[in-house]
Amino acid sequence: MRRTVLGDAHVDRSLAAATEFGRPIQELVTQYCWGEVWTREGLAPRDRSIINLAMLTALGRNHELAVHVKGAVNNGVTTSEIQEVLLQTAIYVGVPAALESFRVAESTLKELGVDV
């Protein structure tokens, strides 16, 4: 599932960059986040992507947000839907967090060649 959502290149880079110290967290993320949770039937991957965009904005985790913007696009979330998610988060988690998320999302979408 991790490869399906984020792409082979991202996963290969993450695993190749893992040090002996960091390898256990990469294995945990792959097994539990992507293996146990992302594959559950209760929500479609597209819905999980939308939720992640909001949560990562709320937490201010911009590196992970960029990764999940790419995943959201791979899961069929449109640019306007990404925009709406970020606007929604502005109301509930604060404008500064949403402003930064807009910057990250726009930069990531441009990197993907998506019109913004």
Protein backbone atom coordinates (compact mmCIF):
# COMPACT_ATOMS: atom_id res chain seq x y z
CA MET A 1 0.00 0.00 0.00
CA ARG A 2 2.87 2.37 0.78
CA ARG A 3 4.22 1.89 -2.74
CA THR A 4 0.75 2.29 -4.27
CA VAL A 5 0.10 5.59 -2.53
CA LEU A 6 3.56 7.16 -2.40
CA GLY A 7 5.30 5.48 -5.33
CA ASP A 8 8.26 3.15 -5.60
CA ALA A 9 10.82 5.96 -5.76
CA HIS A 10 9.73 7.46 -2.42
CA VAL A 11 9.63 4.13 -0.63
CA ASP A 12 12.96 3.03 -2.09
CA ARG A 13 14.56 6.34 -1.01
CA SER A 14 13.14 6.03 2.51
CA LEU A 15 14.34 2.47 2.94
CA ALA A 16 17.74 3.12 1.39
CA ALA A 17 18.29 6.13 3.64
CA ALA A 18 17.40 4.20 6.78
CA THR A 19 20.35 3.75 9.07
CA GLU A 20 20.72 0.78 11.35
CA PHE A 21 19.33 3.02 14.09
CA GLY A 22 16.38 4.27 11.99
CA ARG A 23 15.50 0.98 10.30
CA PRO A 24 13.09 -0.15 13.06
CA ILE A 25 10.90 2.93 12.63
CA GLN A 26 10.80 2.42 8.84
CA GLU A 27 9.72 -1.17 9.43
CA LEU A 28 7.08 -0.06 11.95
CA VAL A 29 5.68 2.56 9.56
CA THR A 30 5.56 0.06 6.70
CA GLN A 31 3.99 -2.72 8.74
CA TYR A 32 1.51 -0.85 10.90
CA CYS A 33 0.69 2.43 9.16
CA TRP A 34 0.65 1.11 5.62
CA GLY A 35 0.02 -2.59 6.26
CA GLU A 36 -2.46 -2.65 9.12
CA VAL A 37 -4.28 0.70 8.95
CA TRP A 38 -4.17 1.83 5.31
CA THR A 39 -5.43 -1.55 4.11
CA ARG A 40 -8.49 -1.65 6.37
CA GLU A 41 -11.83 -1.66 4.56
CA GLY A 42 -13.50 1.08 6.65
CA LEU A 43 -12.19 3.98 4.54
CA ALA A 44 -11.01 4.25 0.97
CA PRO A 45 -7.38 5.31 0.43
CA ARG A 46 -8.69 8.59 -1.04
CA ASP A 47 -10.54 9.36 2.20
CA ARG A 48 -7.47 8.44 4.27
CA SER A 49 -5.43 10.87 2.18
CA ILE A 50 -7.88 13.70 2.85
CA ILE A 51 -7.80 12.99 6.58
CA ASN A 52 -3.99 12.93 6.58
CA LEU A 53 -3.80 16.33 4.87
CA ALA A 54 -5.93 17.85 7.63
CA MET A 55 -4.07 16.12 10.47
CA LEU A 56 -0.62 16.95 9.14
CA THR A 57 -1.68 20.58 8.74
CA ALA A 58 -2.93 20.63 12.32
CA LEU A 59 0.34 19.14 13.55
CA GLY A 60 2.53 21.37 11.37
CA ARG A 61 4.34 18.37 9.91
CA ASN A 62 5.18 19.98 6.58
CA HIS A 63 7.64 17.41 5.26
CA GLU A 64 5.06 14.66 5.76
CA LEU A 65 2.37 16.95 4.33
CA ALA A 66 4.32 17.23 1.07
CA VAL A 67 4.62 13.44 0.93
CA HIS A 68 0.89 13.04 1.51
CA VAL A 69 -0.07 15.72 -1.04
CA LYS A 70 1.65 13.49 -3.58
CA GLY A 71 -0.17 10.46 -2.16
CA ALA A 72 -3.48 12.30 -2.26
CA VAL A 73 -3.01 13.10 -5.94
CA ASN A 74 -2.15 9.44 -6.57
CA ASN A 75 -5.36 8.51 -4.73
CA GLY A 76 -7.52 10.75 -6.93
CA VAL A 77 -7.88 13.81 -4.70
CA THR A 78 -8.19 16.88 -6.93
CA THR A 79 -6.33 20.15 -6.54
CA SER A 80 -9.56 21.92 -5.59
CA GLU A 81 -10.31 19.25 -2.97
CA ILE A 82 -6.83 19.70 -1.49
CA GLN A 83 -7.49 23.43 -1.39
CA GLU A 84 -10.83 22.89 0.38
CA VAL A 85 -9.27 20.58 2.98
CA LEU A 86 -6.65 23.20 3.77
CA LEU A 87 -9.26 25.97 3.99
CA GLN A 88 -11.32 23.81 6.35
CA THR A 89 -8.30 23.27 8.58
CA ALA A 90 -7.65 27.02 8.71
CA ILE A 91 -10.88 27.47 10.63
CA TYR A 92 -10.26 24.72 13.16
CA VAL A 93 -6.49 24.65 13.65
CA GLY A 94 -5.47 28.19 12.77
CA VAL A 95 -4.62 30.33 9.82
CA PRO A 96 -0.81 30.20 10.27
CA ALA A 97 -0.83 26.39 10.01
CA ALA A 98 -3.06 26.50 6.95
CA LEU A 99 -0.98 29.23 5.27
CA GLU A 100 2.13 27.10 5.56
CA SER A 101 0.22 24.05 4.32
CA PHE A 102 -0.97 26.00 1.28
CA ARG A 103 2.66 26.87 0.50
CA VAL A 104 3.78 23.26 0.87
CA ALA A 105 0.84 21.87 -1.13
CA GLU A 106 1.24 24.39 -3.96
CA SER A 107 4.96 23.74 -4.24
CA THR A 108 4.39 19.98 -4.21
CA LEU A 109 1.61 20.14 -6.80
CA LYS A 110 3.82 22.24 -9.09
CA GLU A 111 6.62 19.71 -8.61
CA LEU A 112 4.18 17.02 -9.78
CA GLY A 113 3.28 19.11 -12.85
CA VAL A 114 -0.29 19.68 -11.64
CA ASP A 115 -1.89 23.01 -12.64
CA VAL A 116 -2.55 25.19 -9.61
